[in-house]
Structure formats: C-alpha cells, structure tokens
Amino acid sequence: MYGILAAGFEDWPIIHQIAWLLGKVMNGIYNVMDGIFGIQNIGICIIIFTIIVYTLMIPLTIKQQKWSKMSAVMNPEIQKIQKKYANKKDQASLMKQQEEMQTIYEKYGTSPTGGCLPLLIQMPVLFALYPVIQNIPKYVQGVKDVYMPVVNQIMAADGFQKIMEKIGEAKPVLMSASAYDYSKADTLVNVLYKFQDSTWDTLVDKIPALESIVNSTTQTVGHLNSFLGINIGEAPFTMLTAAVKDFSIVGIILAVIIPVMAGLTQFISVKLQPQPEVDKSNPMANSMKTMTYTMPLFSVFMGFTLPAGLGLYWAVSAIVRSVQQMAINKYLGKKSTDELIKENQEKAKKKREKKGTSAKEINKMATASTKNVEDKRKSKISDADREERLKKAEQYTKNAKPGSLAAKANMVSRYNNSSSDKKDEGK
C-alpha cells in the first residue's frame, strides 16, 4: 500500500518531478479520449494511464523476477553459510562469512543488491502515481475547467474563505487550513474534487447564490466520475451506507465491487510472483506468509474508506501486474537456471571489463592477505642493502653511550656469550 505512504512525499525532489511528468501523461490521455473519441470519463483515463505506466516498467519487473528466480537457487547455499557462522560474532568470522557469501553471488553472476535496484528505481514512480490519481484536477486541465465556474463564484462571495475552510476541514475532504491556502483557486478546486453529494448540499446551504451553478457542475462531475454506475470520487463506504439505508441490493453490489476487486487482485498478484525458498525456522518466513494475506485485506479496508477512483487504480494495477507476471513467468520458464546463470556471469564480466579489471585480477586482489603484502614490501629491499643496514646497526650498538638501551643490550649480549663459552668448555 505504497499509496498511503506516498501521500506525504508528493513535494519531495524527484518524486515531484516524476508526478509532474505522469500528470502530463494523464492530461494527454484525457485530451485524446475527449478530442478523438468524445469520451470524458476519469475512470477510463485511470485504467489507460495505469496500463501505460506499468507497461513502461516491464523491463525493471523482468530484471527483478530474474533475480527472484536466482535467489530461489542461491538461498539454500546462503542459508547454509549463515547457519555455519550463526554463533560466531568475532570480526574474523564475520569477514570470512562475507567472503563465502560473496563467492556464492559471484558464482551465480549476481549481487546482494540485484533485487533491490529495480525496486529502488520503481519506488519513486509508484510514489508519484498516487498524487496524480488522488488529485486529477491538478494535473488534468480539462477536469479543472469543469470546477472553475463554481470556484469563481465562490471567490466572489463574502467571507468565502472561512466558509470553505470549515467545510474543507471536515469529512470527506479533511484538508486543514493550516496546510492549505484557501484563498487560492487551485486549493478550492482540490477541495471541490473531494466533495460528495452531502458536501455540495452543505456548500449551497452556506452560500445559497451558488445553487444554480452547483447543480450544473455536479451534473458534469457526475458524468466525469461515473464508471459502471460507480461514483469514483466518492468513498465506497459512504455508498454502502446509503445503499443499506435504502435497501438497494444493486447499490450494495456497486459499493463493494471495487474494494473486493482491489483485495482479490492484490492477492492473485502476490501469489503469481515467484516465492524464494525460505527456511521455515526463520521468523521472516512466517512474516512473509502473513503479509500475503494481510496486504489484500488491508487493500479491501482502504478501498472502502478512500475514494473509489483510488480503489479502481489499485485493482487495475494489480490486474496489469498479474497479466504481466503470467507473461514473465512463461518467458522465464523457457530458460533454464543454467542459462540464466550464464547470462548473469556474462553481464558481470562485461561490467568488470568496462571498469578495466578482469575477473582473475579481482579474485587475486580479494584473496591477497596482509602477510603477502608485507612479503612484497620486504622483497623490494635487495640483499646488499639489507647487509649494509645490519652492519650499520652493529656498529651503532658497539659505540653506544654508557647507560643507553643499546649499551645495556651489549651487556646482556656479552653475558650470554660468556655463559655460552663456559658451557662449551665444560663439555
């Protein structure tokens, strides 16, 4: 549920720029659908937008899935090494463990970060998707233009800012006046986009002169937001409450269909992904298994509480990922593990050669010890130089000043020599 996290990152560098770019894509889709096909529907635009974005990310998805397949092969060997050094916390053991694990990664032509890199590249894109879906009028000029007539009349009313702040801080908008400037037209458009039927009624009660323009605006908005009879700007829980109150079976079905689809498609998408072999004794194994079921349930919950447009996006994205996953599984299924290993090794070799270092040289440097380095340093001194230095040291010791360490060393040396001579005489 990256969308919940992404809400606070919209203005972050990179994510902000990506959101702007994705907004241009969404605006282009809307203009094409409106100009060529005469269709003005945000739900259809969301579906097309989601398909395009996830299609562009297929290369990263394939790379990640290749790593997952390799991980399934590598994990038993890695876990064996981890068990081997489980109770050893000294520096030497940790370094040895790291060396042995690195050998495994080199053997399969991959790296510990092989599965993380595609995710790191995808995450800013996924975070940037959320604000575009959440606030369509900010990025799609055609939708913004629908709200501008009523916004202009609101801003012409006396005390409009206080009225809009009070409405905007309550449900379903929940936009605090301390965080948003209610004197700006863009803020008011954002607020109105989150309105539901009851909220429009509240606005008319506060500013009766808006009744006519509100009626015409809500009719147009209803046309834009209606998708298979579902108002994608309204939270399904609100629709469900109203349907239960009216005893409408059709209304109940329409209210639950998107949240249920969001959870079901999320579950299918997770199950289709290749699952790496994990040691069942490892606590992480149970955590991963739990997440497989809790995340879809969480998707259902959020699908009920947030606008249906977001639930539609989650459901469509999960469907797209599932279709892609089946195609990727079929593509990777044609390749044996040995072929993938060979491909990885070739790619790793090319990367090393680009850096000017061959595999043999890397292995040689990796296995070099401190002792070897010291031996190389010693080998730089010739025998003649070493002999000359020893003679100088001996001469310095003979001429040592009384009481110095060198003089005391001479005394010890003479004592040892005399003791040795006496032993030889006794023999």
Protein backbone atom coordinates (compact mmCIF):
# COMPACT_ATOMS: atom_id res chain seq x y z
CA MET A 1 0.00 0.00 0.00
CA TYR A 2 2.64 2.44 -1.08
CA GLY A 3 -0.06 5.00 -1.91
CA ILE A 4 -0.71 5.73 1.78
CA LEU A 5 2.98 6.37 2.32
CA ALA A 6 3.30 8.38 -0.87
CA ALA A 7 0.78 10.98 0.28
CA GLY A 8 3.46 12.80 2.27
CA PHE A 9 6.14 12.61 -0.44
CA GLU A 10 4.43 14.50 -3.28
CA ASP A 11 6.58 17.61 -2.86
CA TRP A 12 9.85 15.70 -2.46
CA PRO A 13 12.55 16.18 -5.11
CA ILE A 14 12.47 13.58 -7.92
CA ILE A 15 9.01 12.37 -6.84
CA HIS A 16 7.61 15.83 -7.52
CA GLN A 17 9.20 15.91 -10.98
CA ILE A 18 8.01 12.38 -11.80
CA ALA A 19 4.47 13.27 -10.64
CA TRP A 20 4.57 16.31 -12.95
CA LEU A 21 5.62 14.07 -15.87
CA LEU A 22 2.96 11.45 -15.10
CA GLY A 23 0.44 14.26 -14.81
CA LYS A 24 1.29 15.28 -18.37
CA VAL A 25 0.66 11.68 -19.46
CA MET A 26 -2.72 11.66 -17.71
CA ASN A 27 -3.61 15.04 -19.22
CA GLY A 28 -2.65 13.73 -22.68
CA ILE A 29 -4.82 10.63 -22.24
CA TYR A 30 -7.80 12.77 -21.22
CA ASN A 31 -7.34 15.12 -24.18
CA VAL A 32 -7.06 12.21 -26.65
CA MET A 33 -10.14 10.46 -25.24
CA ASP A 34 -12.10 13.73 -25.30
CA GLY A 35 -10.85 15.09 -28.63
CA ILE A 36 -10.84 11.90 -30.72
CA PHE A 37 -13.44 9.65 -29.09
CA GLY A 38 -15.59 12.25 -27.33
CA ILE A 39 -15.26 10.37 -24.03
CA GLN A 40 -14.91 12.42 -20.85
CA ASN A 41 -14.51 9.82 -18.12
CA ILE A 42 -11.89 9.81 -15.39
CA GLY A 43 -12.34 6.09 -14.65
CA ILE A 44 -11.40 5.09 -18.21
CA CYS A 45 -8.45 7.51 -18.12
CA ILE A 46 -7.22 5.92 -14.88
CA ILE A 47 -7.35 2.45 -16.45
CA ILE A 48 -5.44 3.51 -19.59
CA PHE A 49 -2.97 5.53 -17.52
CA THR A 50 -2.24 2.57 -15.21
CA ILE A 51 -1.73 0.18 -18.14
CA ILE A 52 0.71 2.58 -19.85
CA VAL A 53 2.80 3.24 -16.72
CA TYR A 54 3.11 -0.43 -15.71
CA THR A 55 3.89 -1.44 -19.29
CA LEU A 56 6.80 1.00 -19.31
CA MET A 57 8.11 -0.64 -16.14
CA ILE A 58 8.15 -4.17 -17.62
CA PRO A 59 11.98 -4.25 -18.14
CA LEU A 60 12.52 -3.49 -14.45
CA THR A 61 9.93 -6.08 -13.47
CA ILE A 62 11.64 -8.76 -15.60
CA LYS A 63 15.01 -7.92 -14.06
CA GLN A 64 13.55 -8.20 -10.58
CA GLN A 65 11.89 -11.53 -11.37
CA LYS A 66 15.14 -12.91 -12.78
CA TRP A 67 16.82 -12.03 -9.51
CA SER A 68 13.98 -13.70 -7.59
CA LYS A 69 14.43 -16.89 -9.63
CA MET A 70 18.18 -16.84 -8.98
CA SER A 71 17.52 -16.10 -5.32
CA ALA A 72 15.45 -19.27 -5.05
CA VAL A 73 18.52 -21.23 -6.22
CA MET A 74 21.02 -19.32 -4.10
CA ASN A 75 19.08 -19.21 -0.85
CA PRO A 76 19.84 -22.79 0.31
CA GLU A 77 23.60 -22.15 -0.09
CA ILE A 78 23.38 -18.74 1.58
CA GLN A 79 21.35 -20.13 4.48
CA LYS A 80 23.92 -22.90 4.91
CA ILE A 81 26.67 -20.28 5.29
CA GLN A 82 24.52 -18.26 7.71
CA LYS A 83 23.98 -21.34 9.89
CA LYS A 84 27.70 -22.10 9.77
CA TYR A 85 28.55 -18.71 11.30
CA ALA A 86 25.36 -18.27 13.35
CA ASN A 87 27.10 -18.19 16.75
CA LYS A 88 30.34 -16.53 15.63
CA LYS A 89 30.40 -12.78 16.18
CA ASP A 90 34.14 -12.06 16.03
CA GLN A 91 35.48 -9.86 13.25
CA ALA A 92 37.44 -12.62 11.55
CA SER A 93 34.38 -14.91 11.34
CA LEU A 94 32.16 -12.10 10.04
CA MET A 95 34.69 -11.28 7.34
CA LYS A 96 35.01 -14.96 6.42
CA GLN A 97 31.22 -15.26 6.22
CA GLN A 98 31.06 -12.22 3.96
CA GLU A 99 33.76 -13.67 1.70
CA GLU A 100 31.95 -17.01 1.37
CA MET A 101 28.62 -15.31 0.61
CA GLN A 102 30.30 -13.08 -1.97
CA THR A 103 31.68 -16.22 -3.60
CA ILE A 104 28.11 -17.53 -3.95
CA TYR A 105 26.95 -14.30 -5.59
CA GLU A 106 29.91 -14.35 -8.00
CA LYS A 107 29.21 -18.00 -8.78
CA TYR A 108 25.70 -17.11 -9.96
CA GLY A 109 26.74 -13.81 -11.56
CA THR A 110 24.59 -11.62 -9.34
CA SER A 111 24.91 -9.39 -6.27
CA PRO A 112 23.15 -8.82 -2.92
CA THR A 113 21.58 -5.65 -4.34
CA GLY A 114 20.42 -7.29 -7.57
CA GLY A 115 16.79 -7.44 -6.45
CA CYS A 116 16.82 -4.09 -4.65
CA LEU A 117 17.95 -1.92 -7.56
CA PRO A 118 14.85 -2.42 -9.75
CA LEU A 119 12.67 -1.73 -6.70
CA LEU A 120 14.62 1.43 -5.86
CA ILE A 121 14.08 2.67 -9.41
CA GLN A 122 10.37 1.77 -9.36
CA MET A 123 9.55 3.25 -5.95
CA PRO A 124 9.73 6.96 -6.94
CA VAL A 125 7.46 6.19 -9.91
CA LEU A 126 4.98 4.31 -7.73
CA PHE A 127 5.01 7.07 -5.10
CA ALA A 128 4.44 9.67 -7.82
CA LEU A 129 1.44 7.76 -9.21
CA TYR A 130 -0.61 8.28 -6.06
CA PRO A 131 -0.92 12.12 -6.06
CA VAL A 132 -1.80 12.09 -9.77
CA ILE A 133 -4.69 9.67 -9.17
CA GLN A 134 -5.71 11.39 -5.93
CA ASN A 135 -5.84 14.91 -7.35
CA ILE A 136 -6.85 14.66 -11.02
CA PRO A 137 -7.81 18.37 -11.49
CA LYS A 138 -4.29 19.47 -10.52
CA TYR A 139 -2.83 17.57 -13.47
CA VAL A 140 -5.71 17.40 -15.99
CA GLN A 141 -6.70 20.83 -17.25
CA GLY A 142 -9.97 19.60 -18.77
CA VAL A 143 -11.20 18.40 -15.37
CA LYS A 144 -10.03 21.58 -13.64
CA ASP A 145 -12.01 23.66 -16.14
CA VAL A 146 -15.21 21.91 -15.01
CA TYR A 147 -14.77 23.22 -11.46
CA MET A 148 -13.54 26.76 -12.30
CA PRO A 149 -17.02 28.38 -12.89
CA VAL A 150 -18.21 27.41 -9.41
CA VAL A 151 -14.81 28.34 -7.91
CA ASN A 152 -15.03 31.82 -9.44
CA GLN A 153 -18.48 32.37 -7.92
CA ILE A 154 -17.33 31.04 -4.55
CA MET A 155 -14.44 33.52 -4.51
CA ALA A 156 -16.88 36.34 -5.34
CA ALA A 157 -18.95 35.61 -2.20
CA ASP A 158 -18.30 37.49 1.06
CA GLY A 159 -16.36 35.50 3.67
CA PHE A 160 -15.88 32.57 1.28
CA GLN A 161 -12.50 31.64 2.77
CA LYS A 162 -13.84 30.96 6.29
CA ILE A 163 -16.79 29.03 4.88
CA MET A 164 -14.58 26.84 2.66
CA GLU A 165 -12.07 26.27 5.45
CA LYS A 166 -14.79 24.96 7.75
CA ILE A 167 -16.20 22.66 5.05
CA GLY A 168 -12.73 21.53 3.92
CA GLU A 169 -11.52 20.60 7.40
CA ALA A 170 -14.45 18.20 7.91
CA LYS A 171 -15.07 14.82 6.27
CA PRO A 172 -14.77 13.79 3.47
CA VAL A 173 -12.27 16.50 2.42
CA LEU A 174 -10.02 16.67 5.53
CA MET A 175 -7.77 19.47 4.26
CA SER A 176 -6.54 21.57 7.18
CA ALA A 177 -6.44 25.34 6.71
CA SER A 178 -3.00 25.35 8.35
CA ALA A 179 -1.63 23.24 5.49
CA TYR A 180 -3.57 24.68 2.54
CA ASP A 181 -4.20 28.24 1.38
CA TYR A 182 -7.96 28.60 0.93
CA SER A 183 -7.56 31.97 -0.77
CA LYS A 184 -6.18 30.26 -3.90
CA ALA A 185 -8.33 28.89 -6.72
CA ASP A 186 -6.22 25.72 -7.07
CA THR A 187 -6.85 24.84 -3.41
CA LEU A 188 -10.60 25.31 -3.85
CA VAL A 189 -10.59 23.09 -6.95
CA ASN A 190 -8.78 20.40 -4.94
CA VAL A 191 -11.38 20.74 -2.16
CA LEU A 192 -14.35 20.57 -4.53
CA TYR A 193 -12.93 17.48 -6.24
CA LYS A 194 -13.25 15.64 -2.91
CA PHE A 195 -16.87 16.72 -2.42
CA GLN A 196 -19.65 14.17 -2.14
CA ASP A 197 -23.39 14.81 -2.62
CA SER A 198 -23.92 15.81 1.01
CA THR A 199 -20.93 18.19 0.89
CA TRP A 200 -22.37 20.02 -2.13
CA ASP A 201 -25.62 20.43 -0.17
CA THR A 202 -23.67 21.94 2.73
CA LEU A 203 -21.99 24.41 0.37
CA VAL A 204 -25.36 25.53 -1.04
CA ASP A 205 -26.72 25.96 2.49
CA LYS A 206 -23.78 28.23 3.35
CA ILE A 207 -23.87 30.20 0.04
CA PRO A 208 -27.42 29.93 -1.44
CA ALA A 209 -26.46 32.00 -4.50
CA LEU A 210 -24.42 29.04 -5.75
CA GLU A 211 -27.41 26.68 -6.17
CA SER A 212 -27.72 27.07 -9.94
CA ILE A 213 -24.01 26.76 -10.75
CA VAL A 214 -23.61 23.88 -8.27
CA ASN A 215 -26.44 21.93 -9.97
CA SER A 216 -24.85 22.27 -13.42
CA THR A 217 -21.37 21.47 -12.05
CA THR A 218 -22.49 18.33 -10.19
CA GLN A 219 -24.20 17.05 -13.35
CA THR A 220 -20.98 17.41 -15.33
CA VAL A 221 -18.88 15.99 -12.49
CA GLY A 222 -21.26 13.04 -12.19
CA HIS A 223 -20.70 12.32 -15.89
CA LEU A 224 -16.91 12.55 -15.45
CA ASN A 225 -16.77 10.39 -12.31
CA SER A 226 -19.34 7.75 -13.22
CA PHE A 227 -17.75 4.39 -14.00
CA LEU A 228 -20.09 1.41 -14.41
CA GLY A 229 -22.59 3.22 -12.22
CA ILE A 230 -20.00 3.91 -9.50
CA ASN A 231 -19.05 7.43 -8.46
CA ILE A 232 -15.25 7.13 -8.35
CA GLY A 233 -14.98 10.42 -6.45
CA GLU A 234 -16.95 9.02 -3.53
CA ALA A 235 -15.80 6.56 -0.85
CA PRO A 236 -17.43 3.10 -1.29
CA PHE A 237 -18.23 3.00 2.44
CA THR A 238 -20.43 6.10 2.03
CA MET A 239 -22.14 4.49 -0.98
CA LEU A 240 -22.60 1.26 1.01
CA THR A 241 -24.16 3.11 3.95
CA ALA A 242 -26.62 4.88 1.65
CA ALA A 243 -27.46 1.64 -0.19
CA VAL A 244 -28.15 -0.23 3.07
CA LYS A 245 -30.34 2.63 4.27
CA ASP A 246 -32.33 2.49 1.01
CA PHE A 247 -32.36 -1.36 0.96
CA SER A 248 -30.79 -1.23 -2.53
CA ILE A 249 -29.22 -4.57 -3.49
CA VAL A 250 -27.75 -3.05 -6.66
CA GLY A 251 -26.30 -0.18 -4.63
CA ILE A 252 -24.67 -2.59 -2.18
CA ILE A 253 -23.10 -4.59 -5.03
CA LEU A 254 -21.78 -1.44 -6.70
CA ALA A 255 -20.38 -0.20 -3.38
CA VAL A 256 -18.42 -3.37 -2.59
CA ILE A 257 -17.26 -4.36 -6.06
CA ILE A 258 -14.18 -2.09 -6.26
CA PRO A 259 -12.83 -2.79 -2.72
CA VAL A 260 -13.33 -6.53 -3.21
CA MET A 261 -11.63 -6.38 -6.61
CA ALA A 262 -8.74 -4.43 -5.08
CA GLY A 263 -8.18 -7.12 -2.42
CA LEU A 264 -8.71 -10.11 -4.70
CA THR A 265 -6.46 -8.86 -7.49
CA GLN A 266 -3.79 -7.92 -4.94
CA PHE A 267 -3.86 -11.50 -3.58
CA ILE A 268 -3.64 -13.02 -7.08
CA SER A 269 -0.75 -10.71 -7.98
CA VAL A 270 1.22 -11.74 -4.89
CA LYS A 271 0.57 -15.46 -5.42
CA LEU A 272 1.74 -15.30 -9.04
CA GLN A 273 5.10 -13.85 -8.05
CA PRO A 274 7.90 -16.43 -7.66
CA GLN A 275 8.39 -17.16 -3.98
CA PRO A 276 12.02 -17.70 -2.89
CA GLU A 277 12.70 -20.72 -0.69
CA VAL A 278 12.94 -19.59 2.91
CA ASP A 279 13.96 -21.66 5.90
CA LYS A 280 10.75 -22.34 7.84
CA SER A 281 12.65 -21.98 11.13
CA ASN A 282 13.44 -18.39 10.11
CA PRO A 283 10.93 -15.91 11.66
CA MET A 284 10.92 -14.00 8.36
CA ALA A 285 9.23 -16.97 6.68
CA ASN A 286 6.10 -16.60 8.83
CA SER A 287 6.14 -12.82 8.36
CA MET A 288 6.21 -13.18 4.57
CA LYS A 289 3.38 -15.71 4.67
CA THR A 290 1.30 -13.41 6.88
CA MET A 291 1.86 -10.44 4.57
CA THR A 292 0.49 -12.46 1.65
CA TYR A 293 -2.92 -12.44 3.33
CA THR A 294 -2.89 -9.22 5.37
CA MET A 295 -1.98 -6.90 2.49
CA PRO A 296 -5.04 -7.87 0.35
CA LEU A 297 -7.27 -7.43 3.43
CA PHE A 298 -5.72 -4.03 4.01
CA SER A 299 -6.42 -3.19 0.35
CA VAL A 300 -10.09 -4.03 0.91
CA PHE A 301 -10.23 -1.81 4.01
CA MET A 302 -8.58 1.15 2.27
CA GLY A 303 -10.71 0.53 -0.81
CA PHE A 304 -13.80 1.19 1.31
CA THR A 305 -12.53 4.28 3.12
CA LEU A 306 -10.79 6.18 0.26
CA PRO A 307 -12.40 7.47 -2.97
CA ALA A 308 -13.38 4.69 -5.37
CA GLY A 309 -11.01 6.11 -8.00
CA LEU A 310 -8.03 5.04 -5.88
CA GLY A 311 -9.56 1.60 -5.35
CA LEU A 312 -10.08 1.33 -9.12
CA TYR A 313 -6.43 2.22 -9.67
CA TRP A 314 -5.24 -0.43 -7.14
CA ALA A 315 -7.48 -3.08 -8.71
CA VAL A 316 -6.39 -2.25 -12.28
CA SER A 317 -2.70 -2.07 -11.32
CA ALA A 318 -2.96 -5.49 -9.65
CA ILE A 319 -4.68 -6.94 -12.74
CA VAL A 320 -1.99 -5.48 -15.01
CA ARG A 321 0.75 -6.86 -12.73
CA SER A 322 -0.93 -10.28 -12.73
CA VAL A 323 -1.10 -10.40 -16.54
CA GLN A 324 2.49 -9.22 -16.78
CA GLN A 325 3.54 -11.79 -14.18
CA MET A 326 1.97 -14.64 -16.13
CA ALA A 327 3.75 -13.49 -19.30
CA ILE A 328 7.06 -13.09 -17.43
CA ASN A 329 6.68 -16.50 -15.77
CA LYS A 330 6.12 -18.04 -19.21
CA TYR A 331 9.13 -16.18 -20.64
CA LEU A 332 11.44 -17.14 -17.77
CA GLY A 333 10.02 -20.68 -17.75
CA LYS A 334 11.57 -21.25 -21.17
CA LYS A 335 15.01 -20.53 -19.75
CA SER A 336 16.82 -23.00 -17.55
CA THR A 337 18.63 -21.91 -14.42
CA ASP A 338 21.96 -22.68 -16.09
CA GLU A 339 21.10 -20.31 -18.96
CA LEU A 340 20.21 -17.53 -16.54
CA ILE A 341 23.44 -18.09 -14.59
CA LYS A 342 25.45 -17.94 -17.79
CA GLU A 343 23.71 -14.72 -18.85
CA ASN A 344 24.37 -13.16 -15.44
CA GLN A 345 28.01 -14.17 -15.50
CA GLU A 346 28.48 -12.69 -18.98
CA LYS A 347 26.89 -9.41 -17.92
CA ALA A 348 29.01 -9.27 -14.75
CA LYS A 349 32.13 -9.97 -16.83
CA LYS A 350 31.33 -7.13 -19.26
CA LYS A 351 30.79 -4.71 -16.36
CA ARG A 352 34.16 -5.63 -14.88
CA GLU A 353 35.88 -5.25 -18.24
CA LYS A 354 34.35 -1.80 -18.70
CA LYS A 355 35.94 -0.81 -15.41
CA GLY A 356 39.27 -2.18 -16.68
CA THR A 357 39.51 -5.10 -14.25
CA SER A 358 39.27 -8.75 -15.21
CA ALA A 359 37.67 -11.43 -13.06
CA LYS A 360 41.04 -13.08 -12.39
CA GLU A 361 42.53 -9.84 -11.14
CA ILE A 362 39.56 -9.23 -8.83
CA ASN A 363 39.85 -12.72 -7.34
CA LYS A 364 43.59 -12.27 -6.91
CA MET A 365 43.09 -8.97 -5.08
CA ALA A 366 40.29 -10.39 -2.96
CA THR A 367 42.39 -13.32 -1.75
CA ALA A 368 45.55 -11.30 -1.06
CA SER A 369 46.40 -11.32 2.68
CA THR A 370 48.32 -8.88 4.82
CA LYS A 371 51.19 -11.32 5.03
CA ASN A 372 51.52 -11.33 1.23
CA VAL A 373 51.57 -7.56 1.20
CA GLU A 374 54.32 -7.49 3.83
CA ASP A 375 56.32 -10.06 1.86
CA LYS A 376 56.10 -7.85 -1.22
CA ARG A 377 57.35 -4.90 0.78
CA LYS A 378 60.30 -6.95 2.03
CA SER A 379 61.11 -8.19 -1.45
CA LYS A 380 61.72 -4.62 -2.58
CA ILE A 381 64.93 -4.47 -0.40
CA SER A 382 67.94 -6.08 -2.05
CA ASP A 383 70.29 -8.42 -0.17
CA ALA A 384 73.17 -5.91 -0.43
CA ASP A 385 71.09 -3.14 1.14
CA ARG A 386 69.93 -5.44 3.91
CA GLU A 387 73.55 -6.46 4.71
CA GLU A 388 74.65 -2.81 4.76
CA ARG A 389 71.84 -1.88 7.19
CA LEU A 390 72.79 -4.75 9.53
CA LYS A 391 76.46 -3.63 9.61
CA LYS A 392 75.42 -0.06 10.45
CA ALA A 393 73.18 -1.28 13.26
CA GLU A 394 76.02 -3.43 14.68
CA GLN A 395 78.48 -0.50 14.56
CA TYR A 396 75.94 1.78 16.27
CA THR A 397 75.50 -0.77 19.06
CA LYS A 398 79.28 -1.08 19.68
CA ASN A 399 79.65 2.70 20.01
CA ALA A 400 76.63 3.06 22.27
CA LYS A 401 76.82 5.56 25.15
CA PRO A 402 77.04 4.17 28.71
CA GLY A 403 73.62 3.78 30.30
CA SER A 404 71.76 3.76 26.99
CA LEU A 405 69.48 0.94 25.95
CA ALA A 406 72.00 -0.10 23.30
CA ALA A 407 74.74 -0.31 25.99
CA LYS A 408 72.54 -2.45 28.21
CA ALA A 409 71.78 -4.66 25.23
CA ASN A 410 75.55 -5.08 24.68
CA MET A 411 75.95 -6.08 28.35
CA VAL A 412 73.25 -8.72 28.04
CA SER A 413 74.76 -9.96 24.79
CA ARG A 414 78.28 -10.26 26.38
CA TYR A 415 76.81 -12.09 29.38
CA ASN A 416 75.01 -14.55 27.10
CA ASN A 417 78.16 -15.11 25.04
CA SER A 418 80.31 -15.73 28.15
CA SER A 419 77.76 -18.15 29.55
CA SER A 420 77.71 -19.97 26.26
CA ASP A 421 81.54 -20.19 26.19
CA LYS A 422 81.65 -21.64 29.71
CA LYS A 423 79.15 -24.32 28.74
CA ASP A 424 81.27 -25.24 25.73
CA GLU A 425 84.38 -25.55 27.95
CA GLY A 426 82.53 -27.80 30.41
CA LYS A 427 81.68 -30.13 27.58
